[in-house]
C-alpha atoms as a PDB file:
ATOM      1  CA  UNK A   1    -150.306  11.756 -93.193  1.00  0.00           C
ATOM      2  CA  UNK A   2    -152.229  14.033 -90.494  1.00  0.00           C
ATOM      3  CA  UNK A   3    -151.337  13.007 -86.911  1.00  0.00           C
ATOM      4  CA  UNK A   4    -154.686  13.707 -84.723  1.00  0.00           C
ATOM      5  CA  UNK A   5    -154.147  13.832 -80.924  1.00  0.00           C
ATOM      6  CA  UNK A   6    -157.072  13.468 -78.787  1.00  0.00           C
ATOM      7  CA  UNK A   7    -157.875  15.272 -75.571  1.00  0.00           C
ATOM      8  CA  UNK A   8    -157.317  11.751 -73.731  1.00  0.00           C
ATOM      9  CA  UNK A   9    -153.848  11.289 -75.416  1.00  0.00           C
ATOM     10  CA  UNK A  10    -153.162  15.046 -74.256  1.00  0.00           C
ATOM     11  CA  UNK A  11    -153.724  14.660 -70.880  1.00  0.00           C
ATOM     12  CA  UNK A  12    -152.316  11.295 -70.707  1.00  0.00           C
ATOM     13  CA  UNK A  13    -148.715  12.375 -71.673  1.00  0.00           C
ATOM     14  CA  UNK A  14    -148.355  14.752 -68.986  1.00  0.00           C
ATOM     15  CA  UNK A  15    -149.513  12.053 -66.403  1.00  0.00           C
ATOM     16  CA  UNK A  16    -146.958   9.906 -67.499  1.00  0.00           C
ATOM     17  CA  UNK A  17    -144.041  12.293 -67.561  1.00  0.00           C
ATOM     18  CA  UNK A  18    -145.364  13.768 -64.133  1.00  0.00           C
ATOM     19  CA  UNK A  19    -145.481  10.093 -62.588  1.00  0.00           C
ATOM     20  CA  UNK A  20    -142.195   9.467 -64.023  1.00  0.00           C
ATOM     21  CA  UNK A  21    -140.328  12.518 -62.301  1.00  0.00           C
ATOM     22  CA  UNK A  22    -142.479  11.998 -59.476  1.00  0.00           C
ATOM     23  CA  UNK A  23    -140.535   8.631 -58.600  1.00  0.00           C
ATOM     24  CA  UNK A  24    -136.976   9.724 -60.102  1.00  0.00           C
ATOM     25  CA  UNK A  25    -136.699  12.795 -58.202  1.00  0.00           C
ATOM     26  CA  UNK A  26    -133.510  11.976 -56.045  1.00  0.00           C
ATOM     27  CA  UNK A  27    -132.384   8.719 -57.584  1.00  0.00           C
ATOM     28  CA  UNK A  28    -128.612   8.425 -57.044  1.00  0.00           C
ATOM     29  CA  UNK A  29    -126.275   9.498 -59.924  1.00  0.00           C
ATOM     30  CA  UNK A  30    -124.601   6.287 -59.759  1.00  0.00           C
ATOM     31  CA  UNK A  31    -128.015   4.363 -60.471  1.00  0.00           C
ATOM     32  CA  UNK A  32    -128.288   5.903 -63.688  1.00  0.00           C
ATOM     33  CA  UNK A  33    -126.765   3.177 -65.656  1.00  0.00           C
ATOM     34  CA  UNK A  34    -127.253   1.844 -69.311  1.00  0.00           C
ATOM     35  CA  UNK A  35    -129.885  -0.839 -67.637  1.00  0.00           C
ATOM     36  CA  UNK A  36    -131.781   1.541 -65.665  1.00  0.00           C
ATOM     37  CA  UNK A  37    -131.203   4.393 -68.832  1.00  0.00           C
ATOM     38  CA  UNK A  38    -133.140   1.757 -71.094  1.00  0.00           C
ATOM     39  CA  UNK A  39    -136.181   1.105 -68.726  1.00  0.00           C
ATOM     40  CA  UNK A  40    -136.303   4.964 -68.873  1.00  0.00           C
ATOM     41  CA  UNK A  41    -136.220   4.799 -72.519  1.00  0.00           C
ATOM     42  CA  UNK A  42    -139.067   2.509 -72.631  1.00  0.00           C
ATOM     43  CA  UNK A  43    -140.972   5.031 -70.555  1.00  0.00           C
ATOM     44  CA  UNK A  44    -140.209   7.520 -73.369  1.00  0.00           C
ATOM     45  CA  UNK A  45    -141.237   5.263 -76.105  1.00  0.00           C
ATOM     46  CA  UNK A  46    -144.194   4.644 -74.731  1.00  0.00           C
ATOM     47  CA  UNK A  47    -145.049   8.267 -74.539  1.00  0.00           C
ATOM     48  CA  UNK A  48    -143.598   8.577 -78.517  1.00  0.00           C
ATOM     49  CA  UNK A  49    -146.044   5.725 -79.404  1.00  0.00           C
ATOM     50  CA  UNK A  50    -149.060   7.652 -77.596  1.00  0.00           C
ATOM     51  CA  UNK A  51    -148.085  10.916 -79.366  1.00  0.00           C
ATOM     52  CA  UNK A  52    -147.865   9.130 -83.042  1.00  0.00           C
ATOM     53  CA  UNK A  53    -150.761   6.676 -82.721  1.00  0.00           C
ATOM     54  CA  UNK A  54    -153.814   7.496 -85.117  1.00  0.00           C
ATOM     55  CA  UNK A  55    -156.933   8.459 -82.907  1.00  0.00           C
ATOM     56  CA  UNK A  56    -159.037   5.333 -83.982  1.00  0.00           C
ATOM     57  CA  UNK A  57    -156.002   3.382 -81.941  1.00  0.00           C
ATOM     58  CA  UNK A  58    -156.421   5.524 -78.923  1.00  0.00           C
ATOM     59  CA  UNK A  59    -156.146   3.762 -75.500  1.00  0.00           C
ATOM     60  CA  UNK A  60    -158.180   3.929 -72.935  1.00  0.00           C
ATOM     61  CA  UNK A  61    -156.854   6.991 -70.664  1.00  0.00           C
ATOM     62  CA  UNK A  62    -157.445   4.805 -67.289  1.00  0.00           C
ATOM     63  CA  UNK A  63    -155.675   1.921 -68.877  1.00  0.00           C
ATOM     64  CA  UNK A  64    -152.646   4.167 -69.866  1.00  0.00           C
ATOM     65  CA  UNK A  65    -152.412   5.580 -66.426  1.00  0.00           C
ATOM     66  CA  UNK A  66    -152.226   2.072 -64.830  1.00  0.00           C
ATOM     67  CA  UNK A  67    -149.609   1.010 -67.598  1.00  0.00           C
ATOM     68  CA  UNK A  68    -147.524   4.201 -66.743  1.00  0.00           C
ATOM     69  CA  UNK A  69    -147.352   3.666 -63.498  1.00  0.00           C
ATOM     70  CA  UNK A  70    -146.426   0.127 -63.574  1.00  0.00           C
ATOM     71  CA  UNK A  71    -143.714   1.501 -66.315  1.00  0.00           C
ATOM     72  CA  UNK A  72    -142.358   3.580 -63.563  1.00  0.00           C
ATOM     73  CA  UNK A  73    -142.252   0.647 -61.030  1.00  0.00           C
ATOM     74  CA  UNK A  74    -140.329  -1.415 -63.470  1.00  0.00           C
ATOM     75  CA  UNK A  75    -137.643   1.318 -64.034  1.00  0.00           C
ATOM     76  CA  UNK A  76    -137.345   1.527 -60.178  1.00  0.00           C
ATOM     77  CA  UNK A  77    -137.246  -2.300 -59.863  1.00  0.00           C
ATOM     78  CA  UNK A  78    -134.146  -2.249 -62.294  1.00  0.00           C
ATOM     79  CA  UNK A  79    -132.497   0.476 -60.525  1.00  0.00           C
ATOM     80  CA  UNK A  80    -132.751  -1.594 -57.100  1.00  0.00           C
ATOM     81  CA  UNK A  81    -131.369  -4.722 -58.988  1.00  0.00           C
ATOM     82  CA  UNK A  82    -128.426  -2.700 -60.441  1.00  0.00           C
ATOM     83  CA  UNK A  83    -127.593  -1.506 -56.977  1.00  0.00           C
ATOM     84  CA  UNK A  84    -127.531  -4.695 -55.656  1.00  0.00           C
ATOM     85  CA  UNK A  85    -125.356  -6.224 -58.388  1.00  0.00           C
ATOM     86  CA  UNK A  86    -122.623  -3.337 -57.887  1.00  0.00           C
ATOM     87  CA  UNK A  87    -122.978  -4.000 -54.180  1.00  0.00           C
ATOM     88  CA  UNK A  88    -122.082  -7.778 -54.758  1.00  0.00           C
ATOM     89  CA  UNK A  89    -119.297  -6.971 -57.184  1.00  0.00           C
ATOM     90  CA  UNK A  90    -117.591  -4.774 -54.423  1.00  0.00           C
ATOM     91  CA  UNK A  91    -117.664  -7.589 -51.837  1.00  0.00           C
ATOM     92  CA  UNK A  92    -114.085  -8.458 -51.908  1.00  0.00           C
ATOM     93  CA  UNK A  93    -114.214 -11.245 -49.097  1.00  0.00           C
ATOM     94  CA  UNK A  94    -117.362 -13.821 -50.368  1.00  0.00           C
ATOM     95  CA  UNK A  95    -117.394 -14.837 -46.634  1.00  0.00           C
ATOM     96  CA  UNK A  96    -116.617 -11.453 -44.663  1.00  0.00           C
ATOM     97  CA  UNK A  97    -117.190 -11.852 -41.148  1.00  0.00           C
ATOM     98  CA  UNK A  98    -118.010  -9.432 -38.085  1.00  0.00           C
ATOM     99  CA  UNK A  99    -119.669  -6.296 -38.711  1.00  0.00           C
ATOM    100  CA  UNK A 100    -119.280  -5.947 -42.207  1.00  0.00           C
ATOM    101  CA  UNK A 101    -120.969  -9.102 -42.915  1.00  0.00           C
ATOM    102  CA  UNK A 102    -123.846  -8.083 -40.530  1.00  0.00           C
ATOM    103  CA  UNK A 103    -123.849  -5.086 -42.759  1.00  0.00           C
ATOM    104  CA  UNK A 104    -123.570  -6.913 -45.951  1.00  0.00           C
ATOM    105  CA  UNK A 105    -126.256  -9.241 -44.920  1.00  0.00           C
ATOM    106  CA  UNK A 106    -128.756  -6.217 -43.590  1.00  0.00           C
ATOM    107  CA  UNK A 107    -128.626  -4.359 -47.024  1.00  0.00           C
ATOM    108  CA  UNK A 108    -129.061  -7.183 -49.169  1.00  0.00           C
ATOM    109  CA  UNK A 109    -132.402  -8.255 -47.186  1.00  0.00           C
ATOM    110  CA  UNK A 110    -133.699  -4.364 -47.389  1.00  0.00           C
ATOM    111  CA  UNK A 111    -133.208  -4.371 -50.950  1.00  0.00           C
ATOM    112  CA  UNK A 112    -134.681  -8.037 -51.508  1.00  0.00           C
ATOM    113  CA  UNK A 113    -137.587  -6.196 -49.545  1.00  0.00           C
ATOM    114  CA  UNK A 114    -137.823  -3.532 -51.755  1.00  0.00           C
ATOM    115  CA  UNK A 115    -137.763  -5.672 -54.986  1.00  0.00           C
ATOM    116  CA  UNK A 116    -140.704  -7.404 -52.997  1.00  0.00           C
ATOM    117  CA  UNK A 117    -142.512  -4.307 -52.379  1.00  0.00           C
ATOM    118  CA  UNK A 118    -142.381  -3.343 -56.398  1.00  0.00           C
ATOM    119  CA  UNK A 119    -143.554  -6.849 -57.189  1.00  0.00           C
ATOM    120  CA  UNK A 120    -146.746  -6.396 -54.801  1.00  0.00           C
ATOM    121  CA  UNK A 121    -147.481  -3.036 -56.024  1.00  0.00           C
ATOM    122  CA  UNK A 122    -147.664  -3.929 -59.607  1.00  0.00           C
ATOM    123  CA  UNK A 123    -149.813  -6.975 -58.484  1.00  0.00           C
ATOM    124  CA  UNK A 124    -151.837  -4.707 -56.593  1.00  0.00           C
ATOM    125  CA  UNK A 125    -152.600  -2.414 -59.594  1.00  0.00           C
ATOM    126  CA  UNK A 126    -152.874  -5.435 -61.670  1.00  0.00           C
ATOM    127  CA  UNK A 127    -155.519  -6.566 -59.725  1.00  0.00           C
ATOM    128  CA  UNK A 128    -157.391  -3.302 -59.751  1.00  0.00           C
ATOM    129  CA  UNK A 129    -157.396  -3.634 -63.407  1.00  0.00           C
ATOM    130  CA  UNK A 130    -160.268  -1.683 -65.485  1.00  0.00           C
ATOM    131  CA  UNK A 131    -161.919  -0.839 -62.095  1.00  0.00           C
ATOM    132  CA  UNK A 132    -159.464   1.452 -61.341  1.00  0.00           C
ATOM    133  CA  UNK A 133    -159.942   5.110 -60.856  1.00  0.00           C
ATOM    134  CA  UNK A 134    -157.769   8.201 -60.797  1.00  0.00           C
ATOM    135  CA  UNK A 135    -157.937   8.355 -57.293  1.00  0.00           C
ATOM    136  CA  UNK A 136    -156.887   4.759 -56.938  1.00  0.00           C
ATOM    137  CA  UNK A 137    -154.018   5.461 -59.132  1.00  0.00           C
ATOM    138  CA  UNK A 138    -153.110   8.693 -57.284  1.00  0.00           C
ATOM    139  CA  UNK A 139    -152.960   6.991 -53.914  1.00  0.00           C
ATOM    140  CA  UNK A 140    -150.982   4.057 -55.156  1.00  0.00           C
ATOM    141  CA  UNK A 141    -148.490   6.595 -56.777  1.00  0.00           C
ATOM    142  CA  UNK A 142    -148.209   8.759 -53.664  1.00  0.00           C
ATOM    143  CA  UNK A 143    -147.958   5.832 -51.418  1.00  0.00           C
ATOM    144  CA  UNK A 144    -145.210   4.441 -53.019  1.00  0.00           C
ATOM    145  CA  UNK A 145    -143.498   7.854 -53.408  1.00  0.00           C
ATOM    146  CA  UNK A 146    -143.391   8.156 -49.463  1.00  0.00           C
ATOM    147  CA  UNK A 147    -142.176   4.738 -49.004  1.00  0.00           C
ATOM    148  CA  UNK A 148    -139.597   5.370 -51.474  1.00  0.00           C
ATOM    149  CA  UNK A 149    -138.508   8.691 -50.032  1.00  0.00           C
ATOM    150  CA  UNK A 150    -138.917   7.539 -45.837  1.00  0.00           C
ATOM    151  CA  UNK A 151    -137.151   3.969 -46.618  1.00  0.00           C
ATOM    152  CA  UNK A 152    -135.917   3.221 -49.837  1.00  0.00           C
ATOM    153  CA  UNK A 153    -133.620   6.591 -50.814  1.00  0.00           C
ATOM    154  CA  UNK A 154    -132.086   6.409 -47.407  1.00  0.00           C
ATOM    155  CA  UNK A 155    -131.091   2.607 -48.244  1.00  0.00           C
ATOM    156  CA  UNK A 156    -129.619   3.665 -51.770  1.00  0.00           C
ATOM    157  CA  UNK A 157    -127.804   6.606 -50.230  1.00  0.00           C
ATOM    158  CA  UNK A 158    -126.395   3.999 -47.970  1.00  0.00           C
ATOM    159  CA  UNK A 159    -125.388   1.473 -50.567  1.00  0.00           C
ATOM    160  CA  UNK A 160    -123.825   4.366 -52.587  1.00  0.00           C
ATOM    161  CA  UNK A 161    -121.969   5.822 -49.943  1.00  0.00           C
ATOM    162  CA  UNK A 162    -120.395   2.359 -49.561  1.00  0.00           C
ATOM    163  CA  UNK A 163    -119.517   1.955 -53.137  1.00  0.00           C
ATOM    164  CA  UNK A 164    -118.078   5.501 -53.230  1.00  0.00           C
ATOM    165  CA  UNK A 165    -115.423   4.497 -50.267  1.00  0.00           C
ATOM    166  CA  UNK A 166    -114.992   1.327 -51.583  1.00  0.00           C
ATOM    167  CA  UNK A 167    -114.089   2.678 -55.226  1.00  0.00           C
ATOM    168  CA  UNK A 168    -111.913   5.541 -53.847  1.00  0.00           C
ATOM    169  CA  UNK A 169    -110.031   3.110 -51.594  1.00  0.00           C
ATOM    170  CA  UNK A 170    -109.302   1.195 -54.972  1.00  0.00           C
ATOM    171  CA  UNK A 171    -108.361   4.241 -56.557  1.00  0.00           C
ATOM    172  CA  UNK A 172    -106.153   5.067 -54.240  1.00  0.00           C
ATOM    173  CA  UNK A 173    -104.313   1.832 -54.287  1.00  0.00           C
ATOM    174  CA  UNK A 174    -103.640   2.316 -57.798  1.00  0.00           C
ATOM    175  CA  UNK A 175    -102.362   5.661 -57.470  1.00  0.00           C
ATOM    176  CA  UNK A 176    -100.010   4.526 -55.037  1.00  0.00           C
ATOM    177  CA  UNK A 177     -98.727   1.481 -57.099  1.00  0.00           C
ATOM    178  CA  UNK A 178     -98.005   3.930 -59.723  1.00  0.00           C
ATOM    179  CA  UNK A 179     -96.544   6.142 -57.308  1.00  0.00           C
ATOM    180  CA  UNK A 180     -93.991   3.491 -56.395  1.00  0.00           C
ATOM    181  CA  UNK A 181     -93.532   2.413 -60.074  1.00  0.00           C
ATOM    182  CA  UNK A 182     -92.522   6.241 -61.061  1.00  0.00           C
ATOM    183  CA  UNK A 183     -90.114   6.264 -57.883  1.00  0.00           C
ATOM    184  CA  UNK A 184     -88.370   2.854 -58.993  1.00  0.00           C
ATOM    185  CA  UNK A 185     -88.006   4.824 -62.717  1.00  0.00           C
ATOM    186  CA  UNK A 186     -86.578   8.001 -61.067  1.00  0.00           C
ATOM    187  CA  UNK A 187     -83.906   6.233 -59.204  1.00  0.00           C
ATOM    188  CA  UNK A 188     -82.753   4.364 -62.601  1.00  0.00           C
ATOM    189  CA  UNK A 189     -82.555   7.982 -64.153  1.00  0.00           C
ATOM    190  CA  UNK A 190     -80.485   9.238 -61.307  1.00  0.00           C
ATOM    191  CA  UNK A 191     -78.115   6.385 -61.999  1.00  0.00           C
ATOM    192  CA  UNK A 192     -78.213   7.073 -65.488  1.00  0.00           C
ATOM    193  CA  UNK A 193     -77.796  10.839 -65.957  1.00  0.00           C
ATOM    194  CA  UNK A 194     -77.122  12.753 -62.388  1.00  0.00           C
ATOM    195  CA  UNK A 195     -79.083  13.309 -59.314  1.00  0.00           C
ATOM    196  CA  UNK A 196     -79.033  17.091 -59.945  1.00  0.00           C
ATOM    197  CA  UNK A 197     -79.999  16.617 -63.793  1.00  0.00           C
ATOM    198  CA  UNK A 198     -82.787  14.498 -62.505  1.00  0.00           C
ATOM    199  CA  UNK A 199     -83.762  16.779 -59.469  1.00  0.00           C
ATOM    200  CA  UNK A 200     -86.919  18.179 -60.982  1.00  0.00           C
ATOM    201  CA  UNK A 201     -88.338  14.781 -61.119  1.00  0.00           C
ATOM    202  CA  UNK A 202     -87.682  13.887 -57.470  1.00  0.00           C
ATOM    203  CA  UNK A 203     -89.223  17.163 -56.456  1.00  0.00           C
ATOM    204  CA  UNK A 204     -92.561  16.338 -58.565  1.00  0.00           C
ATOM    205  CA  UNK A 205     -92.513  13.020 -57.222  1.00  0.00           C
ATOM    206  CA  UNK A 206     -92.209  14.293 -53.277  1.00  0.00           C
ATOM    207  CA  UNK A 207     -95.319  16.536 -54.481  1.00  0.00           C
ATOM    208  CA  UNK A 208     -97.325  13.858 -55.868  1.00  0.00           C
ATOM    209  CA  UNK A 209     -96.694  11.785 -52.485  1.00  0.00           C
ATOM    210  CA  UNK A 210     -97.866  14.518 -50.401  1.00  0.00           C
ATOM    211  CA  UNK A 211    -100.914  15.150 -52.545  1.00  0.00           C
ATOM    212  CA  UNK A 212    -101.728  11.081 -52.645  1.00  0.00           C
ATOM    213  CA  UNK A 213    -100.903  11.143 -48.463  1.00  0.00           C
ATOM    214  CA  UNK A 214    -103.905  13.876 -48.605  1.00  0.00           C
ATOM    215  CA  UNK A 215    -106.290  11.802 -50.813  1.00  0.00           C
ATOM    216  CA  UNK A 216    -105.592   8.873 -48.590  1.00  0.00           C
ATOM    217  CA  UNK A 217    -106.560  10.740 -45.286  1.00  0.00           C
ATOM    218  CA  UNK A 218    -109.678  12.331 -46.681  1.00  0.00           C
ATOM    219  CA  UNK A 219    -110.452   8.511 -48.139  1.00  0.00           C
ATOM    220  CA  UNK A 220    -110.097   7.330 -44.749  1.00  0.00           C
ATOM    221  CA  UNK A 221    -112.061  10.248 -43.082  1.00  0.00           C
ATOM    222  CA  UNK A 222    -114.980   8.732 -45.385  1.00  0.00           C
ATOM    223  CA  UNK A 223    -114.617   5.465 -44.467  1.00  0.00           C
ATOM    224  CA  UNK A 224    -114.419   6.405 -40.679  1.00  0.00           C
ATOM    225  CA  UNK A 225    -117.868   8.386 -41.512  1.00  0.00           C
ATOM    226  CA  UNK A 226    -119.205   5.224 -43.252  1.00  0.00           C
ATOM    227  CA  UNK A 227    -118.445   3.192 -40.179  1.00  0.00           C
ATOM    228  CA  UNK A 228    -120.046   6.126 -37.624  1.00  0.00           C
ATOM    229  CA  UNK A 229    -122.972   6.275 -39.969  1.00  0.00           C
ATOM    230  CA  UNK A 230    -124.028   2.646 -40.703  1.00  0.00           C
ATOM    231  CA  UNK A 231    -121.668  -0.050 -38.874  1.00  0.00           C
ATOM    232  CA  UNK A 232    -121.554   1.004 -35.146  1.00  0.00           C
ATOM    233  CA  UNK A 233    -125.052  -0.300 -34.827  1.00  0.00           C
ATOM    234  CA  UNK A 234    -123.959  -3.536 -35.386  1.00  0.00           C
ATOM    235  CA  UNK A 235    -121.126  -3.311 -33.319  1.00  0.00           C
ATOM    236  CA  UNK A 236    -123.321  -2.425 -30.391  1.00  0.00           C
ATOM    237  CA  UNK A 237    -125.708  -5.087 -31.058  1.00  0.00           C
ATOM    238  CA  UNK A 238    -122.629  -7.425 -30.911  1.00  0.00           C
ATOM    239  CA  UNK A 239    -121.536  -6.036 -27.766  1.00  0.00           C
ATOM    240  CA  UNK A 240    -124.702  -6.064 -26.229  1.00  0.00           C
ATOM    241  CA  UNK A 241    -125.327  -9.925 -27.408  1.00  0.00           C
ATOM    242  CA  UNK A 242    -121.849 -10.783 -25.911  1.00  0.00           C
ATOM    243  CA  UNK A 243    -122.471  -9.288 -22.777  1.00  0.00           C
ATOM    244  CA  UNK A 244    -126.146 -10.306 -21.931  1.00  0.00           C
ATOM    245  CA  UNK A 245    -125.296 -13.738 -20.570  1.00  0.00           C
ATOM    246  CA  UNK A 246    -122.717 -11.932 -18.188  1.00  0.00           C
ATOM    247  CA  UNK A 247    -125.444  -9.212 -17.518  1.00  0.00           C
ATOM    248  CA  UNK A 248    -127.830 -12.267 -16.663  1.00  0.00           C
ATOM    249  CA  UNK A 249    -125.506 -13.760 -14.034  1.00  0.00           C
ATOM    250  CA  UNK A 250    -125.138 -10.364 -12.206  1.00  0.00           C
ATOM    251  CA  UNK A 251    -128.282  -9.338 -11.691  1.00  0.00           C
ATOM    252  CA  UNK A 252    -129.047 -12.081  -9.126  1.00  0.00           C
ATOM    253  CA  UNK A 253    -126.185 -11.211  -7.116  1.00  0.00           C
ATOM    254  CA  UNK A 254    -126.792  -7.253  -7.670  1.00  0.00           C
ATOM    255  CA  UNK A 255    -130.255  -7.652  -6.328  1.00  0.00           C
ATOM    256  CA  UNK A 256    -129.143  -9.519  -3.352  1.00  0.00           C
ATOM    257  CA  UNK A 257    -126.740  -6.817  -2.629  1.00  0.00           C
ATOM    258  CA  UNK A 258    -128.964  -4.144  -3.083  1.00  0.00           C
ATOM    259  CA  UNK A 259    -131.843  -5.709  -0.582  1.00  0.00           C
ATOM    260  CA  UNK A 260    -128.789  -6.129   1.985  1.00  0.00           C
ATOM    261  CA  UNK A 261    -127.272  -2.495   1.421  1.00  0.00           C
ATOM    262  CA  UNK A 262    -130.363  -0.217   0.606  1.00  0.00           C
ATOM    263  CA  UNK A 263    -129.580   3.240   1.654  1.00  0.00           C
ATOM    264  CA  UNK A 264    -131.598   6.318   0.988  1.00  0.00           C
ATOM    265  CA  UNK A 265    -128.650   8.017  -1.331  1.00  0.00           C
ATOM    266  CA  UNK A 266    -129.482   8.351  -4.954  1.00  0.00           C
ATOM    267  CA  UNK A 267    -128.707   5.037  -7.068  1.00  0.00           C
ATOM    268  CA  UNK A 268    -126.764   4.768 -10.536  1.00  0.00           C
ATOM    269  CA  UNK A 269    -129.840   3.912 -12.269  1.00  0.00           C
ATOM    270  CA  UNK A 270    -131.699   7.035 -10.758  1.00  0.00           C
ATOM    271  CA  UNK A 271    -128.694   9.061 -11.763  1.00  0.00           C
ATOM    272  CA  UNK A 272    -128.925   7.785 -15.461  1.00  0.00           C
ATOM    273  CA  UNK A 273    -132.536   8.662 -15.386  1.00  0.00           C
ATOM    274  CA  UNK A 274    -132.199  12.047 -14.053  1.00  0.00           C
ATOM    275  CA  UNK A 275    -129.645  12.681 -16.534  1.00  0.00           C
ATOM    276  CA  UNK A 276    -132.147  11.464 -19.389  1.00  0.00           C
ATOM    277  CA  UNK A 277    -134.688  13.706 -17.940  1.00  0.00           C
ATOM    278  CA  UNK A 278    -132.547  16.662 -17.773  1.00  0.00           C
ATOM    279  CA  UNK A 279    -132.728  19.225 -20.804  1.00  0.00           C
ATOM    280  CA  UNK A 280    -130.058  18.632 -22.993  1.00  0.00           C
ATOM    281  CA  UNK A 281    -128.228  21.901 -23.710  1.00  0.00           C
ATOM    282  CA  UNK A 282    -126.386  22.134 -27.077  1.00  0.00           C
ATOM    283  CA  UNK A 283    -124.623  25.077 -27.900  1.00  0.00           C
ATOM    284  CA  UNK A 284    -125.055  27.256 -30.849  1.00  0.00           C
ATOM    285  CA  UNK A 285    -121.403  26.562 -31.730  1.00  0.00           C
ATOM    286  CA  UNK A 286    -121.767  22.855 -31.343  1.00  0.00           C
ATOM    287  CA  UNK A 287    -124.869  22.796 -33.989  1.00  0.00           C
ATOM    288  CA  UNK A 288    -122.864  24.807 -36.397  1.00  0.00           C
ATOM    289  CA  UNK A 289    -120.034  22.079 -36.351  1.00  0.00           C
ATOM    290  CA  UNK A 290    -122.558  19.355 -36.859  1.00  0.00           C
ATOM    291  CA  UNK A 291    -124.210  21.004 -39.448  1.00  0.00           C
ATOM    292  CA  UNK A 292    -120.587  22.005 -41.446  1.00  0.00           C
ATOM    293  CA  UNK A 293    -119.598  18.077 -41.044  1.00  0.00           C
ATOM    294  CA  UNK A 294    -118.798  17.173 -44.757  1.00  0.00           C
ATOM    295  CA  UNK A 295    -120.544  14.455 -46.374  1.00  0.00           C
ATOM    296  CA  UNK A 296    -119.057  11.236 -47.236  1.00  0.00           C
ATOM    297  CA  UNK A 297    -119.813  12.310 -50.790  1.00  0.00           C
ATOM    298  CA  UNK A 298    -117.729  15.268 -50.111  1.00  0.00           C
ATOM    299  CA  UNK A 299    -114.875  13.610 -48.650  1.00  0.00           C
ATOM    300  CA  UNK A 300    -115.080  11.122 -51.621  1.00  0.00           C
ATOM    301  CA  UNK A 301    -114.837  13.844 -54.246  1.00  0.00           C
ATOM    302  CA  UNK A 302    -112.083  15.745 -52.518  1.00  0.00           C
ATOM    303  CA  UNK A 303    -110.042  12.731 -52.431  1.00  0.00           C
ATOM    304  CA  UNK A 304    -110.806  11.912 -55.712  1.00  0.00           C
ATOM    305  CA  UNK A 305    -109.677  15.611 -56.794  1.00  0.00           C
ATOM    306  CA  UNK A 306    -106.235  15.143 -55.022  1.00  0.00           C
ATOM    307  CA  UNK A 307    -105.662  11.716 -57.165  1.00  0.00           C
ATOM    308  CA  UNK A 308    -106.276  13.294 -60.107  1.00  0.00           C
ATOM    309  CA  UNK A 309    -103.807  16.080 -59.084  1.00  0.00           C
ATOM    310  CA  UNK A 310    -101.381  13.443 -58.347  1.00  0.00           C
ATOM    311  CA  UNK A 311    -102.024  12.109 -61.888  1.00  0.00           C
ATOM    312  CA  UNK A 312    -101.600  15.252 -63.639  1.00  0.00           C
ATOM    313  CA  UNK A 313     -98.072  15.383 -61.882  1.00  0.00           C
ATOM    314  CA  UNK A 314     -97.518  12.159 -63.290  1.00  0.00           C
ATOM    315  CA  UNK A 315     -98.226  13.302 -66.870  1.00  0.00           C
ATOM    316  CA  UNK A 316     -95.597  16.246 -66.252  1.00  0.00           C
ATOM    317  CA  UNK A 317     -93.021  14.102 -65.004  1.00  0.00           C
ATOM    318  CA  UNK A 318     -93.395  11.959 -68.171  1.00  0.00           C
ATOM    319  CA  UNK A 319     -92.925  15.184 -70.283  1.00  0.00           C
ATOM    320  CA  UNK A 320     -90.022  16.132 -68.523  1.00  0.00           C
ATOM    321  CA  UNK A 321     -88.504  12.620 -69.008  1.00  0.00           C
ATOM    322  CA  UNK A 322     -88.735  12.763 -72.677  1.00  0.00           C
ATOM    323  CA  UNK A 323     -86.819  16.194 -72.808  1.00  0.00           C
ATOM    324  CA  UNK A 324     -84.069  14.055 -70.995  1.00  0.00           C
ATOM    325  CA  UNK A 325     -83.740  12.052 -74.096  1.00  0.00           C
END
């Protein structure tokens, strides 16, 4: 059976693929889960349906463009929901307190806002309906992409940074537990054979211990970077709130003292203002150091590589033990 592809169909296919890639550039790798892949496959399926459809069943080009954009939004919605599920599943304490609780609440709220945005966009597209023009769809797509780039992607990266740090923490805990178990087994082997005969195992064990210590240090550095990047703002807010009452009480006292002891010398507040107005000189070497700071992703990746290296040593130790028997 001969398949005829009309000009409208040919024009619509690149549009769907383009608008899909338009949004999916920069989607974190961790967001590409099974459900997200199914959503993407749905978009691809609509392309296949369009290609294989008979000419007499050719859909209206504009209707197709509208449907294509809605499908891309569906994919983005699945991506966000999955990120939210992963975040919930990583929370160790259902009722965390302090800074981490505020961060959790903030992130969940922003993810909910993103889901609301997607639903609003879909509703807006449906309201336009058959009256939509190419410019309408283009403006909708560009506006949504700008929002994703400026608002959603930083949020997704923030969540993924947390998930990477959390996952690596668990990975190191598991590896250290394995190390301690092997340490006990080596002690038993030293008693069963001799310390000298089992010495290669002890050497390998020390090597693995050093490597896992390096992995822990890198993971801790990643955790500190996460705190500095995302949690300090909440700690500062806490400090400001706790000191607001005290500050209020001090204002009247300070005002009285200032009236009684006013002089022509520069005040602290004026010094602060002067320092803020003064040009900030940052040396090129300092800028270079800032740029060279490893990202959380890089630190976790290095830490994970160390853990894998330790497991490779465990495997080598297992091979040595088999030779003993």
